[in-house]
PDB file of all heavy atoms in Angstrom:
ATOM      1  N   TYR A   1      77.041  54.740  54.028  1.00  0.00           N
ATOM      2  CA  TYR A   1      78.239  53.976  54.242  1.00  0.00           C
ATOM      3  C   TYR A   1      78.973  54.527  55.493  1.00  0.00           C
ATOM      4  O   TYR A   1      79.293  55.695  55.527  1.00  0.00           O
ATOM      5  CB  TYR A   1      79.216  54.002  53.039  1.00  0.00           C
ATOM      6  CG  TYR A   1      80.390  53.077  53.183  1.00  0.00           C
ATOM      7  CD1 TYR A   1      80.281  51.691  52.832  1.00  0.00           C
ATOM      8  CD2 TYR A   1      81.595  53.464  53.793  1.00  0.00           C
ATOM      9  CE1 TYR A   1      81.349  50.865  52.943  1.00  0.00           C
ATOM     10  CE2 TYR A   1      82.643  52.633  53.970  1.00  0.00           C
ATOM     11  CZ  TYR A   1      82.518  51.332  53.522  1.00  0.00           C
ATOM     12  OH  TYR A   1      83.580  50.431  53.637  1.00  0.00           O
ATOM     13  N   HIS A   2      79.097  53.724  56.557  1.00  0.00           N
ATOM     14  CA  HIS A   2      79.781  54.109  57.796  1.00  0.00           C
ATOM     15  C   HIS A   2      81.181  53.583  57.728  1.00  0.00           C
ATOM     16  O   HIS A   2      81.396  52.367  57.606  1.00  0.00           O
ATOM     17  CB  HIS A   2      79.064  53.562  58.978  1.00  0.00           C
ATOM     18  CG  HIS A   2      79.724  53.836  60.281  1.00  0.00           C
ATOM     19  ND1 HIS A   2      79.680  52.936  61.329  1.00  0.00           N
ATOM     20  CD2 HIS A   2      80.481  54.887  60.697  1.00  0.00           C
ATOM     21  CE1 HIS A   2      80.380  53.462  62.334  1.00  0.00           C
ATOM     22  NE2 HIS A   2      80.840  54.614  61.947  1.00  0.00           N
ATOM     23  N   LEU A   3      82.185  54.491  57.790  1.00  0.00           N
ATOM     24  CA  LEU A   3      83.566  54.133  57.801  1.00  0.00           C
ATOM     25  C   LEU A   3      84.137  54.262  59.213  1.00  0.00           C
ATOM     26  O   LEU A   3      84.203  55.395  59.730  1.00  0.00           O
ATOM     27  CB  LEU A   3      84.346  54.961  56.820  1.00  0.00           C
ATOM     28  CG  LEU A   3      85.843  54.692  56.691  1.00  0.00           C
ATOM     29  CD1 LEU A   3      86.126  53.247  56.340  1.00  0.00           C
ATOM     30  CD2 LEU A   3      86.521  55.627  55.621  1.00  0.00           C
ATOM     31  N   THR A   4      84.517  53.151  59.822  1.00  0.00           N
ATOM     32  CA  THR A   4      84.940  53.177  61.203  1.00  0.00           C
ATOM     33  C   THR A   4      86.499  53.412  61.248  1.00  0.00           C
ATOM     34  O   THR A   4      87.191  52.987  60.357  1.00  0.00           O
ATOM     35  CB  THR A   4      84.643  51.876  61.873  1.00  0.00           C
ATOM     36  OG1 THR A   4      85.360  50.814  61.293  1.00  0.00           O
ATOM     37  CG2 THR A   4      83.146  51.562  61.795  1.00  0.00           C
ATOM     38  N   PRO A   5      86.961  54.025  62.307  1.00  0.00           N
ATOM     39  CA  PRO A   5      88.393  54.180  62.474  1.00  0.00           C
ATOM     40  C   PRO A   5      89.166  52.924  62.566  1.00  0.00           C
ATOM     41  O   PRO A   5      90.337  52.839  62.269  1.00  0.00           O
ATOM     42  CB  PRO A   5      88.549  55.027  63.777  1.00  0.00           C
ATOM     43  CG  PRO A   5      87.226  55.674  63.929  1.00  0.00           C
ATOM     44  CD  PRO A   5      86.194  54.757  63.357  1.00  0.00           C
ATOM     45  N   SER A   6      88.481  51.817  62.962  1.00  0.00           N
ATOM     46  CA  SER A   6      89.140  50.501  63.098  1.00  0.00           C
ATOM     47  C   SER A   6      89.202  49.732  61.791  1.00  0.00           C
ATOM     48  O   SER A   6      89.778  48.678  61.770  1.00  0.00           O
ATOM     49  CB  SER A   6      88.377  49.701  64.168  1.00  0.00           C
ATOM     50  OG  SER A   6      87.025  49.497  63.808  1.00  0.00           O
ATOM     51  N   ASN A   7      88.602  50.282  60.718  1.00  0.00           N
ATOM     52  CA  ASN A   7      88.605  49.547  59.477  1.00  0.00           C
ATOM     53  C   ASN A   7      90.053  49.432  58.946  1.00  0.00           C
ATOM     54  O   ASN A   7      90.811  50.366  58.907  1.00  0.00           O
ATOM     55  CB  ASN A   7      87.795  50.322  58.428  1.00  0.00           C
ATOM     56  CG  ASN A   7      87.539  49.555  57.132  1.00  0.00           C
ATOM     57  OD1 ASN A   7      88.474  49.106  56.470  1.00  0.00           O
ATOM     58  ND2 ASN A   7      86.272  49.344  56.807  1.00  0.00           N
ATOM     59  N   THR A   8      90.434  48.224  58.614  1.00  0.00           N
ATOM     60  CA  THR A   8      91.796  47.940  58.134  1.00  0.00           C
ATOM     61  C   THR A   8      92.179  48.808  57.011  1.00  0.00           C
ATOM     62  O   THR A   8      93.355  49.208  56.844  1.00  0.00           O
ATOM     63  CB  THR A   8      91.940  46.448  57.744  1.00  0.00           C
ATOM     64  OG1 THR A   8      91.630  45.619  58.877  1.00  0.00           O
ATOM     65  CG2 THR A   8      93.330  46.128  57.231  1.00  0.00           C
ATOM     66  N   TYR A   9      91.198  49.146  56.153  1.00  0.00           N
ATOM     67  CA  TYR A   9      91.467  49.926  54.944  1.00  0.00           C
ATOM     68  C   TYR A   9      90.913  51.355  55.048  1.00  0.00           C
ATOM     69  O   TYR A   9      90.531  51.980  54.059  1.00  0.00           O
ATOM     70  CB  TYR A   9      90.850  49.246  53.732  1.00  0.00           C
ATOM     71  CG  TYR A   9      91.436  47.850  53.494  1.00  0.00           C
ATOM     72  CD1 TYR A   9      90.744  46.736  53.850  1.00  0.00           C
ATOM     73  CD2 TYR A   9      92.704  47.724  52.908  1.00  0.00           C
ATOM     74  CE1 TYR A   9      91.325  45.418  53.651  1.00  0.00           C
ATOM     75  CE2 TYR A   9      93.287  46.474  52.730  1.00  0.00           C
ATOM     76  CZ  TYR A   9      92.593  45.340  53.097  1.00  0.00           C
ATOM     77  OH  TYR A   9      93.117  44.112  52.928  1.00  0.00           O
ATOM     78  N   LEU A  10      91.007  51.936  56.270  1.00  0.00           N
ATOM     79  CA  LEU A  10      90.535  53.250  56.445  1.00  0.00           C
ATOM     80  C   LEU A  10      91.181  54.266  55.507  1.00  0.00           C
ATOM     81  O   LEU A  10      90.522  55.053  54.863  1.00  0.00           O
ATOM     82  CB  LEU A  10      90.721  53.698  57.903  1.00  0.00           C
ATOM     83  CG  LEU A  10      90.491  55.169  58.226  1.00  0.00           C
ATOM     84  CD1 LEU A  10      88.993  55.463  58.185  1.00  0.00           C
ATOM     85  CD2 LEU A  10      91.088  55.631  59.542  1.00  0.00           C
ATOM     86  N   ASN A  11      92.520  54.213  55.409  1.00  0.00           N
ATOM     87  CA  ASN A  11      93.254  55.157  54.614  1.00  0.00           C
ATOM     88  C   ASN A  11      92.938  55.038  53.124  1.00  0.00           C
ATOM     89  O   ASN A  11      93.014  56.028  52.420  1.00  0.00           O
ATOM     90  CB  ASN A  11      94.765  54.961  54.818  1.00  0.00           C
ATOM     91  CG  ASN A  11      95.222  55.333  56.200  1.00  0.00           C
ATOM     92  OD1 ASN A  11      94.472  56.020  56.938  1.00  0.00           O
ATOM     93  ND2 ASN A  11      96.414  54.980  56.612  1.00  0.00           N
ATOM     94  N   GLU A  12      92.628  53.840  52.691  1.00  0.00           N
ATOM     95  CA  GLU A  12      92.283  53.644  51.272  1.00  0.00           C
ATOM     96  C   GLU A  12      90.847  53.985  50.967  1.00  0.00           C
ATOM     97  O   GLU A  12      90.518  54.286  49.810  1.00  0.00           O
ATOM     98  CB  GLU A  12      92.554  52.170  50.900  1.00  0.00           C
ATOM     99  CG  GLU A  12      94.029  51.769  50.888  1.00  0.00           C
ATOM    100  CD  GLU A  12      94.565  51.519  52.302  1.00  0.00           C
ATOM    101  OE1 GLU A  12      93.754  51.259  53.191  1.00  0.00           O
ATOM    102  OE2 GLU A  12      95.804  51.612  52.428  1.00  0.00           O
ATOM    103  N   LEU A  13      89.950  53.876  51.923  1.00  0.00           N
ATOM    104  CA  LEU A  13      88.523  54.138  51.721  1.00  0.00           C
ATOM    105  C   LEU A  13      88.150  55.559  51.893  1.00  0.00           C
ATOM    106  O   LEU A  13      87.261  56.034  51.185  1.00  0.00           O
ATOM    107  CB  LEU A  13      87.699  53.265  52.679  1.00  0.00           C
ATOM    108  CG  LEU A  13      87.594  51.787  52.432  1.00  0.00           C
ATOM    109  CD1 LEU A  13      87.149  51.011  53.655  1.00  0.00           C
ATOM    110  CD2 LEU A  13      86.622  51.544  51.275  1.00  0.00           C
ATOM    111  N   MET A  14      88.762  56.250  52.820  1.00  0.00           N
ATOM    112  CA  MET A  14      88.350  57.653  53.106  1.00  0.00           C
ATOM    113  C   MET A  14      88.790  58.577  51.949  1.00  0.00           C
ATOM    114  O   MET A  14      89.782  58.301  51.254  1.00  0.00           O
ATOM    115  CB  MET A  14      88.964  58.125  54.376  1.00  0.00           C
ATOM    116  CG  MET A  14      90.506  58.210  54.374  1.00  0.00           C
ATOM    117  SD  MET A  14      91.180  59.037  55.815  1.00  0.00           S
ATOM    118  CE  MET A  14      90.760  60.768  55.469  1.00  0.00           C
ATOM    119  N   PRO A  15      88.065  59.662  51.729  1.00  0.00           N
ATOM    120  CA  PRO A  15      88.492  60.603  50.702  1.00  0.00           C
ATOM    121  C   PRO A  15      89.560  61.510  51.221  1.00  0.00           C
ATOM    122  O   PRO A  15      89.645  61.811  52.413  1.00  0.00           O
ATOM    123  CB  PRO A  15      87.191  61.373  50.428  1.00  0.00           C
ATOM    124  CG  PRO A  15      86.501  61.385  51.757  1.00  0.00           C
ATOM    125  CD  PRO A  15      86.806  60.056  52.390  1.00  0.00           C
ATOM    126  N   GLY A  16      90.403  62.045  50.296  1.00  0.00           N
ATOM    127  CA  GLY A  16      91.384  63.040  50.678  1.00  0.00           C
ATOM    128  C   GLY A  16      92.437  62.510  51.577  1.00  0.00           C
ATOM    129  O   GLY A  16      93.125  61.463  51.340  1.00  0.00           O
ATOM    130  N   SER A  17      92.571  63.125  52.736  1.00  0.00           N
ATOM    131  CA  SER A  17      93.563  62.746  53.805  1.00  0.00           C
ATOM    132  C   SER A  17      92.989  63.267  55.066  1.00  0.00           C
ATOM    133  O   SER A  17      91.819  63.706  55.148  1.00  0.00           O
ATOM    134  CB  SER A  17      94.908  63.283  53.501  1.00  0.00           C
ATOM    135  OG  SER A  17      94.902  64.693  53.600  1.00  0.00           O
ATOM    136  N   PHE A  18      93.769  63.365  56.100  1.00  0.00           N
ATOM    137  CA  PHE A  18      93.383  63.989  57.411  1.00  0.00           C
ATOM    138  C   PHE A  18      93.816  65.440  57.434  1.00  0.00           C
ATOM    139  O   PHE A  18      93.874  65.995  58.536  1.00  0.00           O
ATOM    140  CB  PHE A  18      93.896  63.228  58.548  1.00  0.00           C
ATOM    141  CG  PHE A  18      93.118  61.883  58.735  1.00  0.00           C
ATOM    142  CD1 PHE A  18      93.717  60.693  58.401  1.00  0.00           C
ATOM    143  CD2 PHE A  18      91.855  61.887  59.296  1.00  0.00           C
ATOM    144  CE1 PHE A  18      93.062  59.505  58.547  1.00  0.00           C
ATOM    145  CE2 PHE A  18      91.190  60.710  59.436  1.00  0.00           C
ATOM    146  CZ  PHE A  18      91.761  59.535  59.055  1.00  0.00           C
ATOM    147  N   LEU A  19      94.041  66.029  56.309  1.00  0.00           N
ATOM    148  CA  LEU A  19      94.322  67.470  56.246  1.00  0.00           C
ATOM    149  C   LEU A  19      92.978  68.201  56.147  1.00  0.00           C
ATOM    150  O   LEU A  19      92.121  67.884  55.328  1.00  0.00           O
ATOM    151  CB  LEU A  19      95.229  67.761  55.037  1.00  0.00           C
ATOM    152  CG  LEU A  19      95.494  69.240  54.787  1.00  0.00           C
ATOM    153  CD1 LEU A  19      96.305  69.850  55.902  1.00  0.00           C
ATOM    154  CD2 LEU A  19      96.292  69.363  53.489  1.00  0.00           C
ATOM    155  N   ALA A  20      92.846  69.264  56.917  1.00  0.00           N
ATOM    156  CA  ALA A  20      91.584  70.020  56.968  1.00  0.00           C
ATOM    157  C   ALA A  20      91.798  71.496  57.170  1.00  0.00           C
ATOM    158  O   ALA A  20      92.903  71.948  57.502  1.00  0.00           O
ATOM    159  CB  ALA A  20      90.703  69.469  58.128  1.00  0.00           C
ATOM    160  N   THR A  21      90.777  72.262  56.918  1.00  0.00           N
ATOM    161  CA  THR A  21      90.703  73.716  57.196  1.00  0.00           C
ATOM    162  C   THR A  21      89.645  73.939  58.187  1.00  0.00           C
ATOM    163  O   THR A  21      88.447  73.628  57.962  1.00  0.00           O
ATOM    164  CB  THR A  21      90.491  74.537  55.880  1.00  0.00           C
ATOM    165  OG1 THR A  21      91.525  74.255  54.957  1.00  0.00           O
ATOM    166  CG2 THR A  21      90.506  76.016  56.195  1.00  0.00           C
ATOM    167  N   ASN A  22      90.017  74.540  59.349  1.00  0.00           N
ATOM    168  CA  ASN A  22      88.960  74.767  60.348  1.00  0.00           C
ATOM    169  C   ASN A  22      88.169  76.044  60.042  1.00  0.00           C
ATOM    170  O   ASN A  22      88.379  76.695  59.059  1.00  0.00           O
ATOM    171  CB  ASN A  22      89.544  74.733  61.763  1.00  0.00           C
ATOM    172  CG  ASN A  22      90.439  75.952  62.061  1.00  0.00           C
ATOM    173  OD1 ASN A  22      90.508  76.889  61.290  1.00  0.00           O
ATOM    174  ND2 ASN A  22      91.128  75.825  63.183  1.00  0.00           N
ATOM    175  N   ALA A  23      87.263  76.357  60.976  1.00  0.00           N
ATOM    176  CA  ALA A  23      86.325  77.482  60.745  1.00  0.00           C
ATOM    177  C   ALA A  23      87.039  78.836  60.625  1.00  0.00           C
ATOM    178  O   ALA A  23      86.526  79.805  60.066  1.00  0.00           O
ATOM    179  CB  ALA A  23      85.260  77.543  61.817  1.00  0.00           C
ATOM    180  N   THR A  24      88.271  78.943  61.176  1.00  0.00           N
ATOM    181  CA  THR A  24      89.005  80.204  61.093  1.00  0.00           C
ATOM    182  C   THR A  24      90.051  80.242  59.982  1.00  0.00           C
ATOM    183  O   THR A  24      90.838  81.128  59.890  1.00  0.00           O
ATOM    184  CB  THR A  24      89.693  80.435  62.458  1.00  0.00           C
ATOM    185  OG1 THR A  24      90.622  79.356  62.719  1.00  0.00           O
ATOM    186  CG2 THR A  24      88.715  80.590  63.587  1.00  0.00           C
ATOM    187  N   GLY A  25      90.027  79.192  59.146  1.00  0.00           N
ATOM    188  CA  GLY A  25      90.936  79.156  58.003  1.00  0.00           C
ATOM    189  C   GLY A  25      92.307  78.536  58.241  1.00  0.00           C
ATOM    190  O   GLY A  25      93.167  78.609  57.371  1.00  0.00           O
ATOM    191  N   ASN A  26      92.516  77.964  59.432  1.00  0.00           N
ATOM    192  CA  ASN A  26      93.770  77.372  59.748  1.00  0.00           C
ATOM    193  C   ASN A  26      93.828  75.928  59.335  1.00  0.00           C
ATOM    194  O   ASN A  26      92.882  75.163  59.561  1.00  0.00           O
ATOM    195  CB  ASN A  26      94.015  77.488  61.232  1.00  0.00           C
ATOM    196  CG  ASN A  26      94.259  78.957  61.706  1.00  0.00           C
ATOM    197  OD1 ASN A  26      95.012  79.679  61.083  1.00  0.00           O
ATOM    198  ND2 ASN A  26      93.591  79.372  62.766  1.00  0.00           N
ATOM    199  N   ALA A  27      95.003  75.575  58.775  1.00  0.00           N
ATOM    200  CA  ALA A  27      95.195  74.122  58.399  1.00  0.00           C
ATOM    201  C   ALA A  27      95.320  73.334  59.635  1.00  0.00           C
ATOM    202  O   ALA A  27      95.958  73.689  60.616  1.00  0.00           O
ATOM    203  CB  ALA A  27      96.421  74.043  57.530  1.00  0.00           C
ATOM    204  N   ARG A  28      94.675  72.146  59.597  1.00  0.00           N
ATOM    205  CA  ARG A  28      94.684  71.265  60.763  1.00  0.00           C
ATOM    206  C   ARG A  28      94.938  69.785  60.320  1.00  0.00           C
ATOM    207  O   ARG A  28      94.542  69.403  59.223  1.00  0.00           O
ATOM    208  CB  ARG A  28      93.311  71.349  61.462  1.00  0.00           C
ATOM    209  CG  ARG A  28      93.118  72.643  62.194  1.00  0.00           C
ATOM    210  CD  ARG A  28      94.071  72.734  63.412  1.00  0.00           C
ATOM    211  NE  ARG A  28      93.876  73.931  64.216  1.00  0.00           N
ATOM    212  CZ  ARG A  28      94.639  74.987  64.135  1.00  0.00           C
ATOM    213  NH1 ARG A  28      95.591  75.102  63.176  1.00  0.00           N
ATOM    214  NH2 ARG A  28      94.450  76.000  64.918  1.00  0.00           N
ATOM    215  N   ALA A  29      95.502  69.050  61.238  1.00  0.00           N
ATOM    216  CA  ALA A  29      95.587  67.579  61.153  1.00  0.00           C
ATOM    217  C   ALA A  29      94.459  67.051  62.068  1.00  0.00           C
ATOM    218  O   ALA A  29      94.154  67.672  63.074  1.00  0.00           O
ATOM    219  CB  ALA A  29      96.936  67.033  61.566  1.00  0.00           C
ATOM    220  N   MET A  30      93.852  65.952  61.647  1.00  0.00           N
ATOM    221  CA  MET A  30      92.677  65.459  62.421  1.00  0.00           C
ATOM    222  C   MET A  30      92.848  64.055  62.896  1.00  0.00           C
ATOM    223  O   MET A  30      93.663  63.289  62.360  1.00  0.00           O
ATOM    224  CB  MET A  30      91.412  65.540  61.593  1.00  0.00           C
ATOM    225  CG  MET A  30      91.118  66.916  60.974  1.00  0.00           C
ATOM    226  SD  MET A  30      89.477  67.004  60.198  1.00  0.00           S
ATOM    227  CE  MET A  30      89.651  65.705  58.934  1.00  0.00           C
ATOM    228  N   GLU A  31      92.072  63.668  63.900  1.00  0.00           N
ATOM    229  CA  GLU A  31      91.931  62.307  64.369  1.00  0.00           C
ATOM    230  C   GLU A  31      90.451  61.952  64.316  1.00  0.00           C
ATOM    231  O   GLU A  31      89.620  62.611  64.929  1.00  0.00           O
ATOM    232  CB  GLU A  31      92.480  62.131  65.758  1.00  0.00           C
ATOM    233  CG  GLU A  31      92.285  60.760  66.320  1.00  0.00           C
ATOM    234  CD  GLU A  31      92.892  60.574  67.712  1.00  0.00           C
ATOM    235  OE1 GLU A  31      93.797  61.308  68.063  1.00  0.00           O
ATOM    236  OE2 GLU A  31      92.380  59.697  68.436  1.00  0.00           O
ATOM    237  N   THR A  32      90.123  60.970  63.564  1.00  0.00           N
ATOM    238  CA  THR A  32      88.683  60.628  63.315  1.00  0.00           C
ATOM    239  C   THR A  32      88.129  59.730  64.339  1.00  0.00           C
ATOM    240  O   THR A  32      88.736  58.799  64.874  1.00  0.00           O
ATOM    241  CB  THR A  32      88.493  60.069  61.905  1.00  0.00           C
ATOM    242  OG1 THR A  32      87.118  59.883  61.681  1.00  0.00           O
ATOM    243  CG2 THR A  32      89.155  58.667  61.795  1.00  0.00           C
ATOM    244  N   PHE A  33      86.846  59.968  64.657  1.00  0.00           N
ATOM    245  CA  PHE A  33      85.988  59.107  65.495  1.00  0.00           C
ATOM    246  C   PHE A  33      84.823  58.502  64.669  1.00  0.00           C
ATOM    247  O   PHE A  33      83.841  58.062  65.221  1.00  0.00           O
ATOM    248  CB  PHE A  33      85.455  59.903  66.676  1.00  0.00           C
ATOM    249  CG  PHE A  33      86.539  60.141  67.740  1.00  0.00           C
ATOM    250  CD1 PHE A  33      87.500  61.072  67.555  1.00  0.00           C
ATOM    251  CD2 PHE A  33      86.530  59.359  68.880  1.00  0.00           C
ATOM    252  CE1 PHE A  33      88.479  61.272  68.522  1.00  0.00           C
ATOM    253  CE2 PHE A  33      87.468  59.496  69.846  1.00  0.00           C
ATOM    254  CZ  PHE A  33      88.478  60.499  69.684  1.00  0.00           C
ATOM    255  N   GLY A  34      84.975  58.551  63.326  1.00  0.00           N
ATOM    256  CA  GLY A  34      83.990  57.931  62.496  1.00  0.00           C
ATOM    257  C   GLY A  34      83.581  58.840  61.346  1.00  0.00           C
ATOM    258  O   GLY A  34      83.447  60.055  61.482  1.00  0.00           O
ATOM    259  N   MET A  35      83.346  58.216  60.187  1.00  0.00           N
ATOM    260  CA  MET A  35      82.941  58.947  58.966  1.00  0.00           C
ATOM    261  C   MET A  35      81.684  58.394  58.410  1.00  0.00           C
ATOM    262  O   MET A  35      81.359  57.192  58.586  1.00  0.00           O
ATOM    263  CB  MET A  35      84.029  58.920  57.915  1.00  0.00           C
ATOM    264  CG  MET A  35      85.415  59.409  58.335  1.00  0.00           C
ATOM    265  SD  MET A  35      86.569  59.404  56.964  1.00  0.00           S
ATOM    266  CE  MET A  35      88.124  59.576  57.875  1.00  0.00           C
ATOM    267  N   LEU A  36      80.940  59.175  57.690  1.00  0.00           N
ATOM    268  CA  LEU A  36      79.635  58.770  57.110  1.00  0.00           C
ATOM    269  C   LEU A  36      79.531  59.336  55.716  1.00  0.00           C
ATOM    270  O   LEU A  36      79.684  60.560  55.473  1.00  0.00           O
ATOM    271  CB  LEU A  36      78.484  59.215  57.957  1.00  0.00           C
ATOM    272  CG  LEU A  36      77.081  58.987  57.438  1.00  0.00           C
ATOM    273  CD1 LEU A  36      76.779  57.470  57.310  1.00  0.00           C
ATOM    274  CD2 LEU A  36      76.012  59.646  58.341  1.00  0.00           C
ATOM    275  N   HIS A  37      79.244  58.457  54.719  1.00  0.00           N
ATOM    276  CA  HIS A  37      78.903  58.943  53.382  1.00  0.00           C
ATOM    277  C   HIS A  37      77.437  58.707  53.156  1.00  0.00           C
ATOM    278  O   HIS A  37      76.911  57.588  53.417  1.00  0.00           O
ATOM    279  CB  HIS A  37      79.713  58.236  52.315  1.00  0.00           C
ATOM    280  CG  HIS A  37      79.485  58.734  50.909  1.00  0.00           C
ATOM    281  ND1 HIS A  37      78.463  58.170  50.096  1.00  0.00           N
ATOM    282  CD2 HIS A  37      80.041  59.742  50.221  1.00  0.00           C
ATOM    283  CE1 HIS A  37      78.477  58.812  48.952  1.00  0.00           C
ATOM    284  NE2 HIS A  37      79.380  59.776  49.013  1.00  0.00           N
ATOM    285  N   VAL A  38      76.740  59.694  52.624  1.00  0.00           N
ATOM    286  CA  VAL A  38      75.329  59.603  52.266  1.00  0.00           C
ATOM    287  C   VAL A  38      75.175  60.082  50.837  1.00  0.00           C
ATOM    288  O   VAL A  38      75.611  61.210  50.457  1.00  0.00           O
ATOM    289  CB  VAL A  38      74.435  60.465  53.240  1.00  0.00           C
ATOM    290  CG1 VAL A  38      72.961  60.290  52.840  1.00  0.00           C
ATOM    291  CG2 VAL A  38      74.654  60.017  54.658  1.00  0.00           C
ATOM    292  N   GLN A  39      74.466  59.277  50.025  1.00  0.00           N
ATOM    293  CA  GLN A  39      74.161  59.651  48.656  1.00  0.00           C
ATOM    294  C   GLN A  39      72.638  59.517  48.457  1.00  0.00           C
ATOM    295  O   GLN A  39      72.055  58.533  48.817  1.00  0.00           O
ATOM    296  CB  GLN A  39      74.901  58.755  47.662  1.00  0.00           C
ATOM    297  CG  GLN A  39      74.731  59.160  46.215  1.00  0.00           C
ATOM    298  CD  GLN A  39      75.742  58.516  45.304  1.00  0.00           C
ATOM    299  OE1 GLN A  39      76.888  58.406  45.638  1.00  0.00           O
ATOM    300  NE2 GLN A  39      75.301  58.071  44.130  1.00  0.00           N
TER     301      GLN A  39
END
């Protein structure tokens, strides 16, 4: 399942939020260029 940033329901389809923890443990806000779910 490819979730595009232009999807009208991006916020409802994506998991969590745009809150993240980077490799150094710092909290970050993100801007997406595309998401992919694989099962």
